[in-house]
Amino acid sequence: MRRRYKCGGETKAYKEGGKVSADKKYANGTTYKDSEGKTHKRVAHPGTKRGDNYCARSSGQKKTEKVIARRKAWGCRGRKSSK
């Protein structure tokens, strides 16, 4: 059975025997389910106060592929967000 993920409202399948890059898996517009089963859409707001807050929080996190991909989507440069 092939696993599927949503990207920009479009359902895509993972490559056979391979992984999807973190940039695609955690990109803006992709969806995920929280612990209660509710579906959410990933949306970044670079260059805003909210973006600055996210960048400041995530700057101290362990640099996993997911964190790196999301910081890139938010436009993080150090502790600030830019468009």
N, C-alpha and C. Protein backbone atom coordinates (compact mmCIF):
# COMPACT_ATOMS: atom_id res chain seq x y z
N MET A 1 0.84 -1.19 0.00
CA MET A 1 0.00 0.00 0.00
C MET A 1 0.88 1.25 0.00
N ARG A 2 0.58 2.20 -0.86
CA ARG A 2 1.36 3.43 -0.93
C ARG A 2 0.73 4.48 -0.03
N ARG A 3 1.56 5.15 0.75
CA ARG A 3 1.07 6.20 1.63
C ARG A 3 0.86 7.46 0.82
N ARG A 4 -0.09 8.29 1.24
CA ARG A 4 -0.41 9.50 0.52
C ARG A 4 -0.31 10.71 1.44
N TYR A 5 -0.10 11.87 0.85
CA TYR A 5 -0.08 13.12 1.60
C TYR A 5 -0.73 14.20 0.75
N LYS A 6 -1.18 15.27 1.40
CA LYS A 6 -1.82 16.37 0.68
C LYS A 6 -0.84 17.52 0.51
N CYS A 7 -0.82 18.09 -0.69
CA CYS A 7 0.06 19.20 -0.99
C CYS A 7 -0.72 20.20 -1.84
N GLY A 8 -1.06 21.34 -1.26
CA GLY A 8 -1.78 22.37 -2.01
C GLY A 8 -3.15 21.90 -2.48
N GLY A 9 -3.86 21.11 -1.67
CA GLY A 9 -5.18 20.64 -2.03
C GLY A 9 -5.17 19.44 -2.96
N GLU A 10 -3.99 18.98 -3.33
CA GLU A 10 -3.83 17.88 -4.25
C GLU A 10 -3.24 16.69 -3.50
N THR A 11 -3.83 15.50 -3.67
CA THR A 11 -3.32 14.31 -3.00
C THR A 11 -2.22 13.69 -3.85
N LYS A 12 -1.09 13.44 -3.21
CA LYS A 12 0.06 12.85 -3.91
C LYS A 12 0.50 11.60 -3.17
N ALA A 13 1.19 10.71 -3.88
CA ALA A 13 1.69 9.49 -3.26
C ALA A 13 3.18 9.61 -3.02
N TYR A 14 3.64 8.98 -1.95
CA TYR A 14 5.08 8.93 -1.68
C TYR A 14 5.74 8.09 -2.76
N LYS A 15 6.99 8.36 -3.04
CA LYS A 15 7.74 7.57 -4.01
C LYS A 15 7.93 6.16 -3.46
N GLU A 16 7.93 5.19 -4.35
CA GLU A 16 8.15 3.81 -3.93
C GLU A 16 9.55 3.66 -3.34
N GLY A 17 9.61 3.18 -2.12
CA GLY A 17 10.89 2.90 -1.49
C GLY A 17 11.71 4.13 -1.14
N GLY A 18 11.15 5.31 -1.31
CA GLY A 18 11.90 6.52 -1.01
C GLY A 18 11.11 7.45 -0.12
N LYS A 19 11.77 8.47 0.37
CA LYS A 19 11.12 9.44 1.23
C LYS A 19 10.85 10.72 0.46
N VAL A 20 9.85 11.45 0.88
CA VAL A 20 9.57 12.77 0.33
C VAL A 20 10.44 13.75 1.10
N SER A 21 10.99 14.75 0.41
CA SER A 21 11.85 15.71 1.09
C SER A 21 11.03 16.49 2.12
N ALA A 22 11.68 16.93 3.16
CA ALA A 22 11.01 17.67 4.23
C ALA A 22 10.42 18.97 3.68
N ASP A 23 11.09 19.59 2.69
CA ASP A 23 10.58 20.83 2.09
C ASP A 23 9.21 20.62 1.47
N LYS A 24 8.97 19.46 0.87
CA LYS A 24 7.67 19.18 0.25
C LYS A 24 6.65 18.71 1.29
N LYS A 25 7.09 17.86 2.21
CA LYS A 25 6.18 17.29 3.20
C LYS A 25 5.63 18.35 4.15
N TYR A 26 6.47 19.32 4.54
CA TYR A 26 6.05 20.34 5.50
C TYR A 26 5.85 21.70 4.85
N ALA A 27 5.61 21.75 3.55
CA ALA A 27 5.45 23.01 2.82
C ALA A 27 4.14 23.71 3.18
N ASN A 28 4.07 25.01 2.86
CA ASN A 28 2.81 25.75 3.05
C ASN A 28 1.72 25.10 2.22
N GLY A 29 0.52 25.03 2.79
CA GLY A 29 -0.61 24.45 2.09
C GLY A 29 -0.82 22.98 2.35
N THR A 30 0.18 22.30 2.93
CA THR A 30 -0.01 20.89 3.25
C THR A 30 -0.84 20.77 4.51
N THR A 31 -1.47 19.64 4.71
CA THR A 31 -2.34 19.44 5.87
C THR A 31 -1.77 18.40 6.80
N TYR A 32 -2.23 18.47 8.05
CA TYR A 32 -1.84 17.48 9.06
C TYR A 32 -2.98 17.32 10.04
N LYS A 33 -2.99 16.22 10.79
CA LYS A 33 -4.02 15.98 11.80
C LYS A 33 -3.41 16.10 13.18
N ASP A 34 -4.12 16.79 14.08
CA ASP A 34 -3.64 16.92 15.45
C ASP A 34 -4.01 15.67 16.25
N SER A 35 -3.72 15.69 17.54
CA SER A 35 -3.95 14.52 18.38
C SER A 35 -5.43 14.17 18.53
N GLU A 36 -6.31 15.15 18.27
CA GLU A 36 -7.75 14.89 18.36
C GLU A 36 -8.35 14.49 17.03
N GLY A 37 -7.53 14.41 15.97
CA GLY A 37 -8.01 13.99 14.66
C GLY A 37 -8.51 15.13 13.78
N LYS A 38 -8.38 16.37 14.26
CA LYS A 38 -8.83 17.52 13.49
C LYS A 38 -7.76 17.89 12.46
N THR A 39 -8.18 18.18 11.22
CA THR A 39 -7.24 18.51 10.15
C THR A 39 -6.93 20.00 10.15
N HIS A 40 -5.64 20.32 10.01
CA HIS A 40 -5.17 21.71 9.96
C HIS A 40 -4.32 21.90 8.71
N LYS A 41 -4.24 23.15 8.24
CA LYS A 41 -3.43 23.49 7.08
C LYS A 41 -2.22 24.28 7.56
N ARG A 42 -1.04 23.96 7.03
CA ARG A 42 0.17 24.69 7.39
C ARG A 42 0.21 26.02 6.64
N VAL A 43 0.28 27.12 7.35
CA VAL A 43 0.33 28.44 6.73
C VAL A 43 1.37 29.28 7.47
N ALA A 44 2.28 29.89 6.73
CA ALA A 44 3.30 30.75 7.32
C ALA A 44 2.98 32.20 6.97
N HIS A 45 3.34 33.11 7.84
CA HIS A 45 3.14 34.55 7.62
C HIS A 45 4.47 35.27 7.80
N PRO A 46 5.38 35.14 6.81
CA PRO A 46 6.69 35.76 6.96
C PRO A 46 6.63 37.28 6.97
N GLY A 47 7.54 37.89 7.73
CA GLY A 47 7.63 39.35 7.77
C GLY A 47 6.61 40.01 8.67
N THR A 48 5.95 39.25 9.55
CA THR A 48 4.95 39.80 10.46
C THR A 48 5.41 39.60 11.90
N LYS A 49 4.67 40.18 12.86
CA LYS A 49 4.98 39.97 14.27
C LYS A 49 4.86 38.49 14.61
N ARG A 50 3.85 37.84 14.04
CA ARG A 50 3.65 36.42 14.28
C ARG A 50 4.86 35.63 13.75
N GLY A 51 5.38 36.04 12.60
CA GLY A 51 6.56 35.40 12.03
C GLY A 51 7.78 35.60 12.91
N ASP A 52 7.95 36.82 13.42
CA ASP A 52 9.07 37.10 14.32
C ASP A 52 8.99 36.23 15.57
N ASN A 53 7.78 36.07 16.12
CA ASN A 53 7.60 35.24 17.31
C ASN A 53 7.94 33.78 17.01
N TYR A 54 7.49 33.27 15.86
CA TYR A 54 7.80 31.89 15.50
C TYR A 54 9.31 31.70 15.36
N CYS A 55 9.97 32.63 14.68
CA CYS A 55 11.41 32.51 14.45
C CYS A 55 12.19 32.55 15.76
N ALA A 56 11.77 33.41 16.67
CA ALA A 56 12.44 33.51 17.97
C ALA A 56 12.26 32.21 18.76
N ARG A 57 11.06 31.64 18.74
CA ARG A 57 10.79 30.38 19.45
C ARG A 57 11.58 29.23 18.85
N SER A 58 11.56 29.13 17.52
CA SER A 58 12.15 27.97 16.87
C SER A 58 13.67 28.06 16.76
N SER A 59 14.24 29.23 17.01
CA SER A 59 15.70 29.36 16.90
C SER A 59 16.41 28.53 17.95
N GLY A 60 15.76 28.25 19.06
CA GLY A 60 16.36 27.45 20.12
C GLY A 60 16.04 25.97 20.04
N GLN A 61 15.24 25.56 19.05
CA GLN A 61 14.88 24.16 18.92
C GLN A 61 15.97 23.36 18.22
N LYS A 62 15.95 22.06 18.45
CA LYS A 62 16.87 21.17 17.77
C LYS A 62 16.61 21.26 16.26
N LYS A 63 17.67 21.31 15.47
CA LYS A 63 17.53 21.52 14.02
C LYS A 63 17.21 20.22 13.29
N THR A 64 15.95 19.79 13.36
CA THR A 64 15.50 18.62 12.61
C THR A 64 15.11 19.06 11.20
N GLU A 65 14.87 18.11 10.31
CA GLU A 65 14.48 18.45 8.94
C GLU A 65 13.19 19.27 8.93
N LYS A 66 12.25 18.90 9.81
CA LYS A 66 10.97 19.61 9.87
C LYS A 66 11.17 21.06 10.32
N VAL A 67 11.96 21.27 11.35
CA VAL A 67 12.19 22.63 11.86
C VAL A 67 12.90 23.48 10.79
N ILE A 68 13.87 22.90 10.13
CA ILE A 68 14.58 23.62 9.08
C ILE A 68 13.64 24.02 7.95
N ALA A 69 12.77 23.08 7.53
CA ALA A 69 11.82 23.36 6.44
C ALA A 69 10.81 24.44 6.84
N ARG A 70 10.30 24.38 8.07
CA ARG A 70 9.30 25.36 8.50
C ARG A 70 9.94 26.74 8.69
N ARG A 71 11.16 26.79 9.22
CA ARG A 71 11.85 28.08 9.37
C ARG A 71 12.09 28.72 8.00
N LYS A 72 12.37 27.90 7.01
CA LYS A 72 12.56 28.40 5.64
C LYS A 72 11.23 28.97 5.12
N ALA A 73 10.11 28.28 5.38
CA ALA A 73 8.80 28.75 4.93
C ALA A 73 8.42 30.07 5.62
N TRP A 74 8.82 30.23 6.88
CA TRP A 74 8.51 31.45 7.62
C TRP A 74 9.48 32.58 7.29
N GLY A 75 10.54 32.28 6.53
CA GLY A 75 11.51 33.30 6.15
C GLY A 75 12.41 33.72 7.30
N CYS A 76 12.75 32.78 8.15
CA CYS A 76 13.56 33.09 9.34
C CYS A 76 15.01 33.35 8.97
N ARG A 77 15.55 34.42 9.51
CA ARG A 77 16.97 34.74 9.45
C ARG A 77 17.37 35.07 10.88
N GLY A 78 17.92 34.08 11.57
CA GLY A 78 18.21 34.25 12.99
C GLY A 78 16.92 34.26 13.78
N ARG A 79 16.68 35.31 14.54
CA ARG A 79 15.44 35.40 15.34
C ARG A 79 14.36 36.26 14.69
N LYS A 80 14.62 36.75 13.48
CA LYS A 80 13.66 37.61 12.77
C LYS A 80 13.11 36.93 11.54
N SER A 81 11.90 37.34 11.14
CA SER A 81 11.25 36.82 9.94
C SER A 81 11.25 37.89 8.88
N SER A 82 11.53 37.49 7.63
CA SER A 82 11.53 38.46 6.54
C SER A 82 10.84 37.85 5.31
N LYS A 83 10.28 38.71 4.48
CA LYS A 83 9.58 38.22 3.29
C LYS A 83 10.55 37.86 2.20
